[in-house]
């Protein structure tokens, strides 16, 4: 058993696509129209193109419990998911220069260093 797909709820798939590709550096893997303006829209890491796909899921637009949960996590400052990076300080500097807003700057937490940013699509994302 292995993970092949991770879903992130987004309220605007096109805005999310621009953020995740333009600022975070992911690349588009699949873009299939599903009707009513929705798409099966997945991204992958440039460094791991055969790795897990990141689905930009429009669930909050169509399923109220998804929207409520997403809003609650955002309000509490809890990340939806986490991405690993080689150098968190360098990535923080790079993303800050691109206008990404961090609620938690790189901070030592035990054996790891973390940072949390707003993906502009309704989610906090943690870097480790």
N, C-alpha and C. Protein backbone atom coordinates (compact mmCIF):
# COMPACT_ATOMS: atom_id res chain seq x y z
N UNK A 1 0.85 -1.17 0.00
CA UNK A 1 0.00 0.00 0.00
C UNK A 1 0.90 1.24 0.00
N UNK A 2 0.50 2.24 -0.78
CA UNK A 2 1.27 3.49 -0.80
C UNK A 2 0.35 4.66 -1.12
N UNK A 3 0.76 5.83 -0.75
CA UNK A 3 0.00 7.04 -1.02
C UNK A 3 0.34 7.52 -2.42
N UNK A 4 -0.69 7.75 -3.24
CA UNK A 4 -0.47 8.24 -4.59
C UNK A 4 -1.13 9.59 -4.83
N UNK A 5 -2.08 9.98 -3.95
CA UNK A 5 -2.82 11.21 -4.14
C UNK A 5 -3.14 11.83 -2.79
N UNK A 6 -2.89 13.12 -2.68
CA UNK A 6 -3.24 13.90 -1.49
C UNK A 6 -4.16 15.01 -1.96
N UNK A 7 -5.26 15.22 -1.25
CA UNK A 7 -6.23 16.23 -1.64
C UNK A 7 -6.13 17.45 -0.74
N UNK A 8 -6.14 18.63 -1.34
CA UNK A 8 -6.18 19.90 -0.61
C UNK A 8 -7.43 20.65 -1.07
N UNK A 9 -8.30 21.03 -0.14
CA UNK A 9 -9.51 21.75 -0.54
C UNK A 9 -9.17 23.19 -0.94
N UNK A 10 -9.70 23.62 -2.06
CA UNK A 10 -9.48 25.00 -2.50
C UNK A 10 -10.80 25.59 -2.97
N UNK A 11 -10.96 26.88 -2.82
CA UNK A 11 -12.21 27.54 -3.20
C UNK A 11 -12.18 28.03 -4.64
N UNK A 12 -10.98 28.16 -5.18
CA UNK A 12 -10.82 28.64 -6.55
C UNK A 12 -9.67 27.85 -7.16
N UNK A 13 -9.99 26.90 -8.02
CA UNK A 13 -8.95 26.04 -8.58
C UNK A 13 -7.94 26.80 -9.41
N UNK A 14 -8.37 27.79 -10.17
CA UNK A 14 -7.44 28.53 -11.02
C UNK A 14 -6.46 29.35 -10.16
N UNK A 15 -6.97 30.00 -9.13
CA UNK A 15 -6.11 30.76 -8.21
C UNK A 15 -5.13 29.82 -7.52
N UNK A 16 -5.63 28.66 -7.09
CA UNK A 16 -4.76 27.67 -6.44
C UNK A 16 -3.68 27.19 -7.40
N UNK A 17 -4.06 26.93 -8.65
CA UNK A 17 -3.09 26.49 -9.65
C UNK A 17 -1.97 27.53 -9.80
N UNK A 18 -2.33 28.79 -9.89
CA UNK A 18 -1.32 29.85 -10.03
C UNK A 18 -0.41 29.91 -8.81
N UNK A 19 -0.97 29.79 -7.61
CA UNK A 19 -0.17 29.86 -6.39
C UNK A 19 0.76 28.65 -6.27
N UNK A 20 0.21 27.46 -6.43
CA UNK A 20 1.00 26.25 -6.22
C UNK A 20 2.06 26.04 -7.30
N UNK A 21 1.82 26.52 -8.51
CA UNK A 21 2.83 26.40 -9.56
C UNK A 21 3.75 27.62 -9.57
N UNK A 22 3.18 28.80 -9.53
CA UNK A 22 3.98 30.03 -9.64
C UNK A 22 4.83 30.35 -8.43
N UNK A 23 4.32 30.07 -7.25
CA UNK A 23 5.07 30.41 -6.02
C UNK A 23 5.75 29.20 -5.41
N UNK A 24 5.03 28.08 -5.32
CA UNK A 24 5.61 26.91 -4.65
C UNK A 24 6.44 26.04 -5.58
N UNK A 25 6.22 26.16 -6.90
CA UNK A 25 7.06 25.44 -7.85
C UNK A 25 6.57 24.06 -8.26
N UNK A 26 5.34 23.69 -7.89
CA UNK A 26 4.78 22.42 -8.36
C UNK A 26 4.51 22.53 -9.86
N UNK A 27 4.35 21.39 -10.52
CA UNK A 27 3.99 21.40 -11.94
C UNK A 27 2.68 20.64 -12.13
N UNK A 28 1.92 21.08 -13.12
CA UNK A 28 0.63 20.46 -13.40
C UNK A 28 0.84 19.09 -14.02
N UNK A 29 0.11 18.11 -13.52
CA UNK A 29 0.19 16.76 -14.07
C UNK A 29 -1.09 16.40 -14.83
N UNK A 30 -2.25 16.61 -14.21
CA UNK A 30 -3.52 16.29 -14.87
C UNK A 30 -4.46 17.49 -14.76
N UNK A 31 -5.23 17.70 -15.81
CA UNK A 31 -6.22 18.78 -15.82
C UNK A 31 -7.38 18.31 -16.70
N UNK A 32 -8.36 17.68 -16.06
CA UNK A 32 -9.48 17.08 -16.77
C UNK A 32 -10.78 17.78 -16.36
N UNK A 33 -11.50 18.37 -17.32
CA UNK A 33 -12.78 19.01 -16.99
C UNK A 33 -13.78 18.00 -16.45
N UNK A 34 -14.49 18.40 -15.37
CA UNK A 34 -15.49 17.53 -14.76
C UNK A 34 -16.90 18.08 -14.91
N UNK A 35 -17.04 19.23 -15.55
CA UNK A 35 -18.34 19.87 -15.68
C UNK A 35 -18.57 20.91 -14.61
N UNK A 36 -19.45 21.85 -14.91
CA UNK A 36 -19.80 22.92 -13.99
C UNK A 36 -18.57 23.71 -13.51
N UNK A 37 -17.56 23.81 -14.36
CA UNK A 37 -16.37 24.58 -14.02
C UNK A 37 -15.37 23.87 -13.12
N UNK A 38 -15.65 22.63 -12.74
CA UNK A 38 -14.74 21.87 -11.88
C UNK A 38 -13.78 21.05 -12.73
N UNK A 39 -12.61 20.77 -12.15
CA UNK A 39 -11.58 20.01 -12.86
C UNK A 39 -10.95 18.98 -11.93
N UNK A 40 -10.47 17.88 -12.53
CA UNK A 40 -9.59 16.96 -11.82
C UNK A 40 -8.21 17.52 -12.08
N UNK A 41 -7.72 18.31 -11.13
CA UNK A 41 -6.51 19.11 -11.32
C UNK A 41 -5.46 18.66 -10.32
N UNK A 42 -4.42 17.99 -10.83
CA UNK A 42 -3.37 17.50 -9.94
C UNK A 42 -2.02 18.11 -10.29
N UNK A 43 -1.19 18.19 -9.27
CA UNK A 43 0.16 18.73 -9.39
C UNK A 43 1.14 17.72 -8.83
N UNK A 44 2.39 17.86 -9.22
CA UNK A 44 3.46 17.05 -8.65
C UNK A 44 4.67 17.94 -8.41
N UNK A 45 5.55 17.45 -7.59
CA UNK A 45 6.81 18.13 -7.31
C UNK A 45 7.71 18.05 -8.54
N UNK A 46 8.38 19.15 -8.87
CA UNK A 46 9.36 19.11 -9.97
C UNK A 46 10.43 18.07 -9.71
N UNK A 47 10.80 17.91 -8.43
CA UNK A 47 11.88 17.00 -8.06
C UNK A 47 11.41 15.54 -7.96
N UNK A 48 10.10 15.31 -7.96
CA UNK A 48 9.58 13.96 -7.78
C UNK A 48 8.33 13.79 -8.63
N UNK A 49 8.51 13.84 -9.94
CA UNK A 49 7.38 13.86 -10.86
C UNK A 49 6.60 12.55 -10.89
N UNK A 50 7.19 11.46 -10.42
CA UNK A 50 6.48 10.19 -10.32
C UNK A 50 5.96 9.95 -8.91
N UNK A 51 6.11 10.94 -8.04
CA UNK A 51 5.66 10.82 -6.66
C UNK A 51 4.17 11.12 -6.52
N UNK A 52 3.73 11.27 -5.29
CA UNK A 52 2.30 11.53 -5.03
C UNK A 52 1.81 12.79 -5.74
N UNK A 53 0.56 12.72 -6.20
CA UNK A 53 -0.06 13.87 -6.84
C UNK A 53 -0.83 14.66 -5.79
N UNK A 54 -0.85 15.97 -5.97
CA UNK A 54 -1.58 16.89 -5.09
C UNK A 54 -2.84 17.32 -5.84
N UNK A 55 -4.01 16.90 -5.36
CA UNK A 55 -5.27 17.25 -6.00
C UNK A 55 -5.80 18.56 -5.43
N UNK A 56 -6.02 19.55 -6.29
CA UNK A 56 -6.64 20.80 -5.87
C UNK A 56 -8.15 20.59 -5.94
N UNK A 57 -8.72 20.22 -4.82
CA UNK A 57 -10.11 19.75 -4.70
C UNK A 57 -11.07 20.90 -4.42
N UNK A 58 -12.08 21.10 -5.28
CA UNK A 58 -13.03 22.20 -5.06
C UNK A 58 -14.15 21.85 -4.07
N UNK A 59 -13.93 20.90 -3.18
CA UNK A 59 -14.96 20.44 -2.25
C UNK A 59 -15.64 21.55 -1.45
N UNK A 60 -14.91 22.56 -0.93
CA UNK A 60 -15.60 23.57 -0.12
C UNK A 60 -16.69 24.33 -0.89
N UNK A 61 -16.62 24.31 -2.20
CA UNK A 61 -17.63 25.00 -3.01
C UNK A 61 -18.92 24.18 -3.14
N UNK A 62 -18.85 22.88 -2.84
CA UNK A 62 -19.98 22.00 -3.11
C UNK A 62 -20.43 21.17 -1.90
N UNK A 63 -19.65 21.17 -0.84
CA UNK A 63 -19.94 20.32 0.31
C UNK A 63 -19.69 21.12 1.58
N UNK A 64 -20.76 21.61 2.19
CA UNK A 64 -20.66 22.52 3.32
C UNK A 64 -19.78 21.99 4.47
N UNK A 65 -19.87 20.71 4.84
CA UNK A 65 -18.97 20.24 5.92
C UNK A 65 -17.49 20.43 5.59
N UNK A 66 -17.12 20.30 4.33
CA UNK A 66 -15.73 20.53 3.94
C UNK A 66 -15.35 21.99 4.17
N UNK A 67 -16.24 22.89 3.81
CA UNK A 67 -16.00 24.33 4.01
C UNK A 67 -15.88 24.67 5.49
N UNK A 68 -16.77 24.10 6.31
CA UNK A 68 -16.76 24.35 7.75
C UNK A 68 -15.44 23.85 8.36
N UNK A 69 -15.01 22.65 7.97
CA UNK A 69 -13.77 22.09 8.50
C UNK A 69 -12.56 22.92 8.06
N UNK A 70 -12.54 23.29 6.79
CA UNK A 70 -11.44 24.11 6.28
C UNK A 70 -11.37 25.44 7.03
N UNK A 71 -12.52 26.09 7.23
CA UNK A 71 -12.56 27.36 7.96
C UNK A 71 -12.09 27.20 9.40
N UNK A 72 -12.50 26.11 10.06
CA UNK A 72 -12.12 25.87 11.45
C UNK A 72 -10.61 25.68 11.59
N UNK A 73 -10.01 24.91 10.69
CA UNK A 73 -8.56 24.72 10.72
C UNK A 73 -7.84 26.05 10.51
N UNK A 74 -8.31 26.83 9.55
CA UNK A 74 -7.68 28.11 9.25
C UNK A 74 -7.76 29.05 10.46
N UNK A 75 -8.95 29.14 11.05
CA UNK A 75 -9.15 30.02 12.21
C UNK A 75 -8.26 29.60 13.39
N UNK A 76 -8.09 28.30 13.59
CA UNK A 76 -7.27 27.79 14.68
C UNK A 76 -5.78 27.85 14.38
N UNK A 77 -5.42 28.16 13.12
CA UNK A 77 -4.01 28.22 12.75
C UNK A 77 -3.39 26.85 12.53
N UNK A 78 -4.22 25.84 12.33
CA UNK A 78 -3.73 24.48 12.15
C UNK A 78 -3.50 24.21 10.66
N UNK A 79 -2.33 23.69 10.30
CA UNK A 79 -2.06 23.39 8.89
C UNK A 79 -2.93 22.26 8.37
N UNK A 80 -3.31 22.37 7.08
CA UNK A 80 -4.04 21.30 6.42
C UNK A 80 -3.12 20.12 6.17
N UNK A 81 -1.88 20.42 5.74
CA UNK A 81 -0.89 19.37 5.46
C UNK A 81 0.50 19.97 5.60
N UNK A 82 1.50 19.16 5.33
CA UNK A 82 2.87 19.65 5.41
C UNK A 82 3.66 19.22 4.19
N UNK A 83 4.60 20.07 3.81
CA UNK A 83 5.54 19.78 2.72
C UNK A 83 6.95 19.80 3.29
N UNK A 84 7.77 18.86 2.88
CA UNK A 84 9.17 18.83 3.29
C UNK A 84 10.01 19.65 2.31
N UNK A 85 10.98 20.36 2.84
CA UNK A 85 11.91 21.14 2.02
C UNK A 85 13.33 20.83 2.47
N UNK A 86 14.28 21.05 1.57
CA UNK A 86 15.69 20.80 1.89
C UNK A 86 16.21 21.76 2.96
N UNK A 87 15.89 23.05 2.79
CA UNK A 87 16.40 24.09 3.69
C UNK A 87 15.26 25.06 3.99
N UNK A 88 14.70 24.94 5.18
CA UNK A 88 13.52 25.73 5.52
C UNK A 88 13.82 27.23 5.57
N UNK A 89 14.99 27.61 6.00
CA UNK A 89 15.32 29.04 6.05
C UNK A 89 15.42 29.63 4.65
N UNK A 90 16.05 28.91 3.75
CA UNK A 90 16.16 29.38 2.36
C UNK A 90 14.79 29.43 1.69
N UNK A 91 13.97 28.42 1.95
CA UNK A 91 12.62 28.38 1.36
C UNK A 91 11.76 29.51 1.93
N UNK A 92 11.89 29.78 3.20
CA UNK A 92 11.17 30.90 3.82
C UNK A 92 11.56 32.21 3.15
N UNK A 93 12.84 32.43 2.95
CA UNK A 93 13.31 33.66 2.30
C UNK A 93 12.79 33.75 0.87
N UNK A 94 12.88 32.67 0.12
CA UNK A 94 12.41 32.65 -1.27
C UNK A 94 10.92 32.96 -1.35
N UNK A 95 10.13 32.29 -0.52
CA UNK A 95 8.68 32.49 -0.57
C UNK A 95 8.26 33.87 -0.05
N UNK A 96 8.95 34.35 0.95
CA UNK A 96 8.65 35.69 1.48
C UNK A 96 8.87 36.73 0.38
N UNK A 97 9.95 36.59 -0.38
CA UNK A 97 10.22 37.52 -1.49
C UNK A 97 9.14 37.45 -2.57
N UNK A 98 8.45 36.31 -2.67
CA UNK A 98 7.37 36.15 -3.65
C UNK A 98 6.02 36.61 -3.09
N UNK A 99 6.02 37.12 -1.85
CA UNK A 99 4.80 37.65 -1.26
C UNK A 99 3.98 36.64 -0.46
N UNK A 100 4.52 35.46 -0.22
CA UNK A 100 3.81 34.46 0.58
C UNK A 100 3.81 34.92 2.04
N UNK A 101 2.63 34.85 2.67
CA UNK A 101 2.48 35.30 4.06
C UNK A 101 2.59 34.12 5.02
N UNK A 102 3.51 34.27 5.97
CA UNK A 102 3.75 33.24 6.98
C UNK A 102 3.14 33.66 8.31
N UNK A 103 2.43 32.74 8.96
CA UNK A 103 1.93 32.99 10.31
C UNK A 103 2.93 32.50 11.35
N UNK A 104 3.78 31.55 10.96
CA UNK A 104 4.85 31.06 11.82
C UNK A 104 6.13 31.07 11.01
N UNK A 105 7.09 31.88 11.45
CA UNK A 105 8.40 31.92 10.79
C UNK A 105 9.16 30.65 11.19
N UNK A 106 10.25 30.31 10.49
CA UNK A 106 10.99 29.09 10.84
C UNK A 106 11.30 29.04 12.34
N UNK A 107 10.83 27.96 12.96
CA UNK A 107 10.91 27.79 14.41
C UNK A 107 11.35 26.38 14.74
N UNK A 108 12.33 26.27 15.62
CA UNK A 108 12.78 24.95 16.07
C UNK A 108 11.70 24.32 16.95
N UNK A 109 11.36 23.07 16.65
CA UNK A 109 10.40 22.31 17.46
C UNK A 109 10.97 20.91 17.64
N UNK A 110 11.67 20.74 18.73
CA UNK A 110 12.30 19.44 18.98
C UNK A 110 13.40 19.18 17.97
N UNK A 111 13.23 18.12 17.20
CA UNK A 111 14.27 17.73 16.24
C UNK A 111 14.03 18.30 14.84
N UNK A 112 12.98 19.10 14.66
CA UNK A 112 12.68 19.68 13.35
C UNK A 112 12.50 21.18 13.46
N UNK A 113 12.55 21.82 12.31
CA UNK A 113 12.24 23.24 12.20
C UNK A 113 11.02 23.35 11.31
N UNK A 114 10.03 24.16 11.72
CA UNK A 114 8.79 24.29 10.96
C UNK A 114 8.51 25.75 10.66
N UNK A 115 7.68 25.97 9.65
CA UNK A 115 7.14 27.29 9.32
C UNK A 115 5.75 27.03 8.75
N UNK A 116 4.85 28.01 8.91
CA UNK A 116 3.48 27.85 8.41
C UNK A 116 3.11 29.07 7.57
N UNK A 117 2.55 28.80 6.37
CA UNK A 117 2.12 29.90 5.50
C UNK A 117 0.68 29.72 5.05
N UNK A 118 0.10 30.81 4.56
CA UNK A 118 -1.26 30.84 4.02
C UNK A 118 -1.17 30.60 2.52
N UNK A 119 -1.90 29.60 2.03
CA UNK A 119 -1.83 29.29 0.59
C UNK A 119 -2.77 30.15 -0.26
N UNK A 120 -3.42 31.13 0.34
CA UNK A 120 -4.35 32.07 -0.31
C UNK A 120 -5.61 31.39 -0.83
N UNK A 121 -5.78 30.11 -0.54
CA UNK A 121 -6.93 29.34 -1.04
C UNK A 121 -7.72 28.72 0.10
N UNK A 122 -7.48 29.21 1.32
CA UNK A 122 -8.23 28.74 2.48
C UNK A 122 -7.50 27.79 3.39
N UNK A 123 -6.18 27.63 3.20
CA UNK A 123 -5.43 26.65 3.99
C UNK A 123 -4.13 27.22 4.56
N UNK A 124 -3.79 26.72 5.74
CA UNK A 124 -2.44 26.88 6.26
C UNK A 124 -1.66 25.65 5.84
N UNK A 125 -0.43 25.86 5.39
CA UNK A 125 0.44 24.76 4.99
C UNK A 125 1.72 24.86 5.82
N UNK A 126 2.15 23.73 6.36
CA UNK A 126 3.36 23.70 7.18
C UNK A 126 4.54 23.19 6.34
N UNK A 127 5.65 23.88 6.48
CA UNK A 127 6.91 23.41 5.89
C UNK A 127 7.74 22.80 7.01
N UNK A 128 8.44 21.72 6.70
CA UNK A 128 9.32 21.05 7.66
C UNK A 128 10.66 20.86 6.99
